Amino acid sequence: MAELSTSESIGSLAADIGKNIYIDVAKWHLYLSDAHLHTVLAEKLYPLVSGKSVQEDQVLEILRNIPVKLGGGKREVPLIDLLPMQCQVNLIDLIEEFQRNL
C-alpha cells in the first residue's frame, strides 16, 4: 500500500511540475510535460520532498545532474541551463507547497 501512495505522490508531483515549469528555447516555452522531463525530475525530487525540508541548493544540484539531449543527442545540456530563473524559483515554491500538503 505504501508503494502505491509513493507512486501516486510522485505522479502528482510530476503533474504539477509538468504543467507549471518550462524550459526556454529561443523564447519558446516548452513545458516539462511536453519535453517528457517532468517524471524524471519528480522522481529525483521526491526524496527531498518526503524529508524534513527542501533546500534550494539540493534542488539546483538535481537540476544540474539531469542531462537534456539536444539535436538528436549530439549535445547534452544540464536542465538547469534551460530553465529561466523564474522557473527555478517557481519550482522551489512548488516543491515547498507540495511538501506542506503531504
N, C-alpha and C. Protein backbone atom coordinates (compact mmCIF):
# COMPACT_ATOMS: atom_id res chain seq x y z
N MET A 1 0.82 -1.19 0.00
CA MET A 1 0.00 0.00 0.00
C MET A 1 0.86 1.25 0.00
N ALA A 2 1.98 1.24 0.75
CA ALA A 2 2.86 2.41 0.80
C ALA A 2 3.47 2.69 -0.57
N GLU A 3 3.78 1.65 -1.33
CA GLU A 3 4.33 1.83 -2.67
C GLU A 3 3.36 2.59 -3.56
N LEU A 4 2.09 2.24 -3.51
CA LEU A 4 1.08 2.90 -4.30
C LEU A 4 1.00 4.37 -3.91
N SER A 5 1.05 4.64 -2.63
CA SER A 5 1.00 6.00 -2.15
C SER A 5 2.20 6.80 -2.65
N THR A 6 3.37 6.20 -2.61
CA THR A 6 4.57 6.87 -3.12
C THR A 6 4.45 7.11 -4.62
N SER A 7 3.98 6.12 -5.35
CA SER A 7 3.79 6.26 -6.80
C SER A 7 2.80 7.36 -7.11
N GLU A 8 1.71 7.38 -6.36
CA GLU A 8 0.70 8.43 -6.57
C GLU A 8 1.27 9.81 -6.25
N SER A 9 2.06 9.90 -5.20
CA SER A 9 2.67 11.17 -4.82
C SER A 9 3.65 11.66 -5.89
N ILE A 10 4.46 10.75 -6.39
CA ILE A 10 5.40 11.11 -7.46
C ILE A 10 4.63 11.54 -8.70
N GLY A 11 3.56 10.82 -9.02
CA GLY A 11 2.74 11.18 -10.18
C GLY A 11 2.11 12.55 -10.02
N SER A 12 1.64 12.86 -8.83
CA SER A 12 1.04 14.16 -8.56
C SER A 12 2.09 15.28 -8.65
N LEU A 13 3.26 15.03 -8.08
CA LEU A 13 4.35 16.00 -8.16
C LEU A 13 4.77 16.21 -9.62
N ALA A 14 4.87 15.12 -10.36
CA ALA A 14 5.23 15.21 -11.78
C ALA A 14 4.20 16.03 -12.55
N ALA A 15 2.93 15.82 -12.27
CA ALA A 15 1.88 16.58 -12.96
C ALA A 15 2.00 18.07 -12.66
N ASP A 16 2.24 18.42 -11.40
CA ASP A 16 2.40 19.83 -11.03
C ASP A 16 3.61 20.45 -11.73
N ILE A 17 4.70 19.72 -11.74
CA ILE A 17 5.91 20.20 -12.40
C ILE A 17 5.67 20.35 -13.89
N GLY A 18 5.06 19.34 -14.49
CA GLY A 18 4.86 19.31 -15.93
C GLY A 18 4.03 20.45 -16.48
N LYS A 19 3.04 20.89 -15.70
CA LYS A 19 2.17 21.94 -16.21
C LYS A 19 2.59 23.35 -15.79
N ASN A 20 3.58 23.46 -14.89
CA ASN A 20 3.97 24.78 -14.39
C ASN A 20 5.41 25.19 -14.71
N ILE A 21 6.27 24.25 -15.00
CA ILE A 21 7.68 24.54 -15.20
C ILE A 21 8.04 24.28 -16.65
N TYR A 22 8.79 25.19 -17.24
CA TYR A 22 9.14 25.06 -18.65
C TYR A 22 10.61 25.38 -18.89
N ILE A 23 11.10 24.88 -20.02
CA ILE A 23 12.42 25.28 -20.49
C ILE A 23 12.19 26.37 -21.54
N ASP A 24 13.15 27.23 -21.67
CA ASP A 24 13.06 28.35 -22.60
C ASP A 24 14.09 28.14 -23.70
N VAL A 25 13.60 27.99 -24.92
CA VAL A 25 14.47 27.82 -26.08
C VAL A 25 14.08 28.89 -27.09
N ALA A 26 14.96 29.85 -27.31
CA ALA A 26 14.72 30.94 -28.25
C ALA A 26 13.37 31.60 -27.98
N LYS A 27 13.09 31.86 -26.72
CA LYS A 27 11.87 32.49 -26.24
C LYS A 27 10.61 31.64 -26.44
N TRP A 28 10.79 30.37 -26.74
CA TRP A 28 9.68 29.42 -26.79
C TRP A 28 9.65 28.70 -25.45
N HIS A 29 8.46 28.55 -24.90
CA HIS A 29 8.30 27.85 -23.63
C HIS A 29 7.86 26.43 -23.90
N LEU A 30 8.71 25.48 -23.53
CA LEU A 30 8.40 24.06 -23.67
C LEU A 30 8.22 23.51 -22.26
N TYR A 31 6.97 23.22 -21.92
CA TYR A 31 6.68 22.72 -20.58
C TYR A 31 7.29 21.34 -20.39
N LEU A 32 7.71 21.06 -19.17
CA LEU A 32 8.43 19.82 -18.91
C LEU A 32 7.60 18.58 -19.21
N SER A 33 6.28 18.67 -19.13
CA SER A 33 5.46 17.52 -19.51
C SER A 33 5.58 17.26 -21.01
N ASP A 34 5.61 18.32 -21.81
CA ASP A 34 5.76 18.17 -23.26
C ASP A 34 7.15 17.66 -23.64
N ALA A 35 8.13 18.02 -22.83
CA ALA A 35 9.51 17.58 -23.08
C ALA A 35 9.80 16.21 -22.45
N HIS A 36 8.80 15.63 -21.78
CA HIS A 36 8.93 14.32 -21.11
C HIS A 36 10.04 14.33 -20.05
N LEU A 37 10.13 15.45 -19.34
CA LEU A 37 11.13 15.57 -18.28
C LEU A 37 10.50 15.68 -16.89
N HIS A 38 9.20 15.84 -16.83
CA HIS A 38 8.53 16.06 -15.54
C HIS A 38 8.61 14.86 -14.61
N THR A 39 8.47 13.65 -15.13
CA THR A 39 8.50 12.47 -14.26
C THR A 39 9.91 12.20 -13.75
N VAL A 40 10.89 12.34 -14.61
CA VAL A 40 12.29 12.15 -14.21
C VAL A 40 12.63 13.12 -13.09
N LEU A 41 12.25 14.37 -13.26
CA LEU A 41 12.53 15.37 -12.24
C LEU A 41 11.78 15.06 -10.95
N ALA A 42 10.53 14.70 -11.04
CA ALA A 42 9.75 14.38 -9.84
C ALA A 42 10.36 13.20 -9.08
N GLU A 43 10.80 12.18 -9.80
CA GLU A 43 11.41 11.02 -9.15
C GLU A 43 12.68 11.41 -8.40
N LYS A 44 13.44 12.33 -8.95
CA LYS A 44 14.68 12.75 -8.28
C LYS A 44 14.41 13.69 -7.11
N LEU A 45 13.33 14.49 -7.22
CA LEU A 45 13.00 15.44 -6.17
C LEU A 45 12.22 14.83 -5.02
N TYR A 46 11.52 13.75 -5.27
CA TYR A 46 10.64 13.18 -4.25
C TYR A 46 11.35 12.85 -2.93
N PRO A 47 12.56 12.29 -2.95
CA PRO A 47 13.23 12.05 -1.66
C PRO A 47 13.42 13.33 -0.84
N LEU A 48 13.62 14.46 -1.49
CA LEU A 48 13.74 15.73 -0.76
C LEU A 48 12.40 16.12 -0.16
N VAL A 49 11.35 15.95 -0.95
CA VAL A 49 10.01 16.34 -0.52
C VAL A 49 9.55 15.49 0.65
N SER A 50 9.89 14.22 0.64
CA SER A 50 9.45 13.33 1.71
C SER A 50 10.33 13.46 2.96
N GLY A 51 11.38 14.28 2.89
CA GLY A 51 12.25 14.51 4.03
C GLY A 51 11.79 15.68 4.87
N LYS A 52 12.71 16.23 5.66
CA LYS A 52 12.36 17.30 6.60
C LYS A 52 12.07 18.62 5.89
N SER A 53 13.05 19.14 5.17
CA SER A 53 12.84 20.41 4.47
C SER A 53 13.62 20.40 3.17
N VAL A 54 13.12 21.17 2.24
CA VAL A 54 13.73 21.25 0.93
C VAL A 54 14.71 22.41 0.93
N GLN A 55 15.94 22.12 0.54
CA GLN A 55 16.98 23.15 0.45
C GLN A 55 17.18 23.53 -1.01
N GLU A 56 17.25 24.81 -1.27
CA GLU A 56 17.41 25.30 -2.63
C GLU A 56 18.63 24.71 -3.32
N ASP A 57 19.76 24.63 -2.61
CA ASP A 57 20.98 24.11 -3.23
C ASP A 57 20.83 22.64 -3.63
N GLN A 58 20.03 21.87 -2.89
CA GLN A 58 19.78 20.47 -3.26
C GLN A 58 18.97 20.39 -4.55
N VAL A 59 17.98 21.24 -4.68
CA VAL A 59 17.16 21.27 -5.90
C VAL A 59 18.01 21.67 -7.09
N LEU A 60 18.83 22.69 -6.93
CA LEU A 60 19.68 23.15 -8.02
C LEU A 60 20.69 22.07 -8.43
N GLU A 61 21.19 21.32 -7.46
CA GLU A 61 22.13 20.23 -7.77
C GLU A 61 21.44 19.14 -8.60
N ILE A 62 20.22 18.82 -8.24
CA ILE A 62 19.46 17.85 -9.03
C ILE A 62 19.27 18.35 -10.45
N LEU A 63 18.92 19.63 -10.60
CA LEU A 63 18.74 20.20 -11.94
C LEU A 63 20.05 20.16 -12.74
N ARG A 64 21.16 20.35 -12.07
CA ARG A 64 22.47 20.28 -12.75
C ARG A 64 22.78 18.88 -13.24
N ASN A 65 22.22 17.88 -12.57
CA ASN A 65 22.56 16.48 -12.87
C ASN A 65 21.55 15.77 -13.76
N ILE A 66 20.64 16.51 -14.35
CA ILE A 66 19.70 15.92 -15.31
C ILE A 66 20.09 16.42 -16.69
N PRO A 67 20.67 15.55 -17.51
CA PRO A 67 21.08 15.96 -18.85
C PRO A 67 19.88 15.98 -19.81
N VAL A 68 19.85 16.99 -20.66
CA VAL A 68 18.81 17.10 -21.68
C VAL A 68 19.51 17.01 -23.03
N LYS A 69 19.11 16.03 -23.81
CA LYS A 69 19.73 15.83 -25.13
C LYS A 69 19.13 16.80 -26.13
N LEU A 70 20.01 17.42 -26.90
CA LEU A 70 19.61 18.36 -27.95
C LEU A 70 20.15 17.89 -29.29
N GLY A 71 19.47 18.27 -30.34
CA GLY A 71 19.96 17.95 -31.69
C GLY A 71 20.07 16.46 -31.93
N GLY A 72 19.07 15.72 -31.49
CA GLY A 72 19.10 14.28 -31.71
C GLY A 72 20.18 13.58 -30.91
N GLY A 73 20.58 14.19 -29.81
CA GLY A 73 21.58 13.57 -28.95
C GLY A 73 23.00 14.01 -29.23
N LYS A 74 23.17 14.95 -30.17
CA LYS A 74 24.53 15.43 -30.48
C LYS A 74 25.15 16.20 -29.32
N ARG A 75 24.29 16.78 -28.50
CA ARG A 75 24.77 17.58 -27.38
C ARG A 75 23.87 17.36 -26.18
N GLU A 76 24.44 17.43 -25.00
CA GLU A 76 23.68 17.35 -23.76
C GLU A 76 23.91 18.62 -22.96
N VAL A 77 22.83 19.14 -22.40
CA VAL A 77 22.88 20.37 -21.61
C VAL A 77 22.19 20.07 -20.28
N PRO A 78 22.76 20.52 -19.17
CA PRO A 78 22.08 20.31 -17.89
C PRO A 78 20.73 21.05 -17.88
N LEU A 79 19.73 20.43 -17.29
CA LEU A 79 18.40 21.02 -17.23
C LEU A 79 18.43 22.41 -16.63
N ILE A 80 19.27 22.63 -15.65
CA ILE A 80 19.33 23.95 -15.00
C ILE A 80 19.65 25.06 -16.00
N ASP A 81 20.43 24.74 -17.04
CA ASP A 81 20.80 25.76 -18.04
C ASP A 81 19.65 26.12 -18.97
N LEU A 82 18.60 25.32 -18.98
CA LEU A 82 17.46 25.57 -19.86
C LEU A 82 16.28 26.21 -19.14
N LEU A 83 16.31 26.20 -17.82
CA LEU A 83 15.22 26.78 -17.04
C LEU A 83 15.51 28.25 -16.74
N PRO A 84 14.58 29.13 -17.10
CA PRO A 84 14.76 30.54 -16.70
C PRO A 84 14.78 30.64 -15.17
N MET A 85 15.38 31.68 -14.67
CA MET A 85 15.49 31.87 -13.22
C MET A 85 14.12 31.84 -12.55
N GLN A 86 13.13 32.46 -13.18
CA GLN A 86 11.79 32.47 -12.58
C GLN A 86 11.23 31.05 -12.46
N CYS A 87 11.51 30.19 -13.41
CA CYS A 87 11.05 28.80 -13.32
C CYS A 87 11.76 28.06 -12.20
N GLN A 88 13.02 28.38 -11.97
CA GLN A 88 13.74 27.75 -10.86
C GLN A 88 13.10 28.15 -9.53
N VAL A 89 12.77 29.44 -9.41
CA VAL A 89 12.11 29.93 -8.20
C VAL A 89 10.73 29.29 -8.06
N ASN A 90 9.99 29.24 -9.17
CA ASN A 90 8.66 28.62 -9.14
C ASN A 90 8.73 27.15 -8.77
N LEU A 91 9.76 26.46 -9.25
CA LEU A 91 9.93 25.04 -8.93
C LEU A 91 10.14 24.85 -7.44
N ILE A 92 10.97 25.66 -6.85
CA ILE A 92 11.24 25.54 -5.41
C ILE A 92 9.96 25.86 -4.63
N ASP A 93 9.23 26.89 -5.04
CA ASP A 93 7.96 27.20 -4.39
C ASP A 93 6.97 26.05 -4.53
N LEU A 94 6.91 25.47 -5.71
CA LEU A 94 6.01 24.35 -5.98
C LEU A 94 6.35 23.16 -5.09
N ILE A 95 7.63 22.88 -4.95
CA ILE A 95 8.08 21.76 -4.11
C ILE A 95 7.73 22.01 -2.65
N GLU A 96 7.97 23.23 -2.18
CA GLU A 96 7.66 23.55 -0.79
C GLU A 96 6.15 23.43 -0.54
N GLU A 97 5.33 23.89 -1.45
CA GLU A 97 3.88 23.78 -1.34
C GLU A 97 3.45 22.32 -1.34
N PHE A 98 4.04 21.54 -2.23
CA PHE A 98 3.73 20.11 -2.32
C PHE A 98 4.08 19.43 -0.99
N GLN A 99 5.22 19.78 -0.43
CA GLN A 99 5.65 19.17 0.83
C GLN A 99 4.68 19.53 1.97
N ARG A 100 4.21 20.76 2.01
CA ARG A 100 3.26 21.17 3.04
C ARG A 100 1.95 20.38 2.95
N ASN A 101 1.57 20.01 1.73
CA ASN A 101 0.31 19.30 1.52
C ASN A 101 0.41 17.78 1.68
N LEU A 102 1.62 17.28 1.92
CA LEU A 102 1.77 15.82 2.12
C LEU A 102 1.14 15.37 3.41
